[in-house]
């Protein structure tokens, strides 16, 4: 027994639907301040150090015997 085509299916195929952008906007509202906070905390946690150069120290590993 075959059924007839659905009215809802034929109507929905002709009308394009707009995407729901509210969840994406909410995601950006949360992500942007969070990323800015992380960026500031990483900047505050950075410690400037000076590494010794290879010419200032003697020892093994110089390659010359």
C-alpha atoms as a PDB file:
ATOM      1  CA  UNK A   1       0.000   0.000   0.000  1.00  0.00           C
ATOM      2  CA  UNK A   2       1.586   3.256  -1.141  1.00  0.00           C
ATOM      3  CA  UNK A   3       1.067   6.501   0.700  1.00  0.00           C
ATOM      4  CA  UNK A   4       0.672   9.903  -0.931  1.00  0.00           C
ATOM      5  CA  UNK A   5       3.359  12.585  -0.704  1.00  0.00           C
ATOM      6  CA  UNK A   6       3.428  14.640   2.456  1.00  0.00           C
ATOM      7  CA  UNK A   7       2.336  18.275   2.311  1.00  0.00           C
ATOM      8  CA  UNK A   8       4.943  19.339   4.845  1.00  0.00           C
ATOM      9  CA  UNK A   9       7.800  17.855   2.832  1.00  0.00           C
ATOM     10  CA  UNK A  10       6.827  19.627  -0.399  1.00  0.00           C
ATOM     11  CA  UNK A  11       6.338  22.992   1.346  1.00  0.00           C
ATOM     12  CA  UNK A  12       9.638  22.830   3.205  1.00  0.00           C
ATOM     13  CA  UNK A  13      11.601  22.085   0.021  1.00  0.00           C
ATOM     14  CA  UNK A  14      10.430  25.284  -1.675  1.00  0.00           C
ATOM     15  CA  UNK A  15      11.128  27.702   1.173  1.00  0.00           C
ATOM     16  CA  UNK A  16      14.783  28.221   2.146  1.00  0.00           C
ATOM     17  CA  UNK A  17      15.257  28.474   5.895  1.00  0.00           C
ATOM     18  CA  UNK A  18      17.551  30.982   7.550  1.00  0.00           C
ATOM     19  CA  UNK A  19      20.228  29.429   9.754  1.00  0.00           C
ATOM     20  CA  UNK A  20      19.946  29.996  13.477  1.00  0.00           C
ATOM     21  CA  UNK A  21      22.948  32.205  14.308  1.00  0.00           C
ATOM     22  CA  UNK A  22      22.163  32.774  17.988  1.00  0.00           C
ATOM     23  CA  UNK A  23      24.232  29.782  19.271  1.00  0.00           C
ATOM     24  CA  UNK A  24      27.220  30.892  17.190  1.00  0.00           C
ATOM     25  CA  UNK A  25      26.916  34.457  18.484  1.00  0.00           C
ATOM     26  CA  UNK A  26      26.744  33.153  22.061  1.00  0.00           C
ATOM     27  CA  UNK A  27      29.870  31.097  21.447  1.00  0.00           C
ATOM     28  CA  UNK A  28      31.797  34.168  20.297  1.00  0.00           C
ATOM     29  CA  UNK A  29      30.490  36.208  23.229  1.00  0.00           C
ATOM     30  CA  UNK A  30      32.044  33.632  25.567  1.00  0.00           C
ATOM     31  CA  UNK A  31      35.197  32.813  23.578  1.00  0.00           C
ATOM     32  CA  UNK A  32      36.511  36.326  22.919  1.00  0.00           C
ATOM     33  CA  UNK A  33      36.755  37.432  26.592  1.00  0.00           C
ATOM     34  CA  UNK A  34      38.121  34.015  27.579  1.00  0.00           C
ATOM     35  CA  UNK A  35      40.884  34.181  24.961  1.00  0.00           C
ATOM     36  CA  UNK A  36      41.738  37.751  25.973  1.00  0.00           C
ATOM     37  CA  UNK A  37      41.975  36.701  29.627  1.00  0.00           C
ATOM     38  CA  UNK A  38      44.262  33.800  28.737  1.00  0.00           C
ATOM     39  CA  UNK A  39      46.432  36.110  26.649  1.00  0.00           C
ATOM     40  CA  UNK A  40      46.847  38.572  29.531  1.00  0.00           C
ATOM     41  CA  UNK A  41      47.605  35.832  32.054  1.00  0.00           C
ATOM     42  CA  UNK A  42      50.253  34.313  29.760  1.00  0.00           C
ATOM     43  CA  UNK A  43      51.806  37.742  29.291  1.00  0.00           C
ATOM     44  CA  UNK A  44      51.965  38.249  33.069  1.00  0.00           C
ATOM     45  CA  UNK A  45      53.424  34.780  33.665  1.00  0.00           C
ATOM     46  CA  UNK A  46      56.324  35.245  31.238  1.00  0.00           C
ATOM     47  CA  UNK A  47      59.727  35.500  32.912  1.00  0.00           C
ATOM     48  CA  UNK A  48      62.625  37.037  31.027  1.00  0.00           C
ATOM     49  CA  UNK A  49      65.795  34.986  31.295  1.00  0.00           C
ATOM     50  CA  UNK A  50      69.159  35.199  29.593  1.00  0.00           C
ATOM     51  CA  UNK A  51      70.681  31.925  28.512  1.00  0.00           C
ATOM     52  CA  UNK A  52      74.466  31.579  28.516  1.00  0.00           C
ATOM     53  CA  UNK A  53      76.123  31.559  25.127  1.00  0.00           C
ATOM     54  CA  UNK A  54      78.093  28.530  23.939  1.00  0.00           C
ATOM     55  CA  UNK A  55      81.405  30.462  23.835  1.00  0.00           C
ATOM     56  CA  UNK A  56      81.337  31.466  27.518  1.00  0.00           C
ATOM     57  CA  UNK A  57      81.480  27.969  28.987  1.00  0.00           C
ATOM     58  CA  UNK A  58      84.016  25.227  28.676  1.00  0.00           C
ATOM     59  CA  UNK A  59      83.469  21.558  29.108  1.00  0.00           C
ATOM     60  CA  UNK A  60      82.518  18.420  27.325  1.00  0.00           C
ATOM     61  CA  UNK A  61      80.696  18.588  24.067  1.00  0.00           C
ATOM     62  CA  UNK A  62      82.870  21.169  22.363  1.00  0.00           C
ATOM     63  CA  UNK A  63      83.954  18.672  19.719  1.00  0.00           C
ATOM     64  CA  UNK A  64      87.657  19.565  19.853  1.00  0.00           C
ATOM     65  CA  UNK A  65      90.172  17.127  21.340  1.00  0.00           C
END
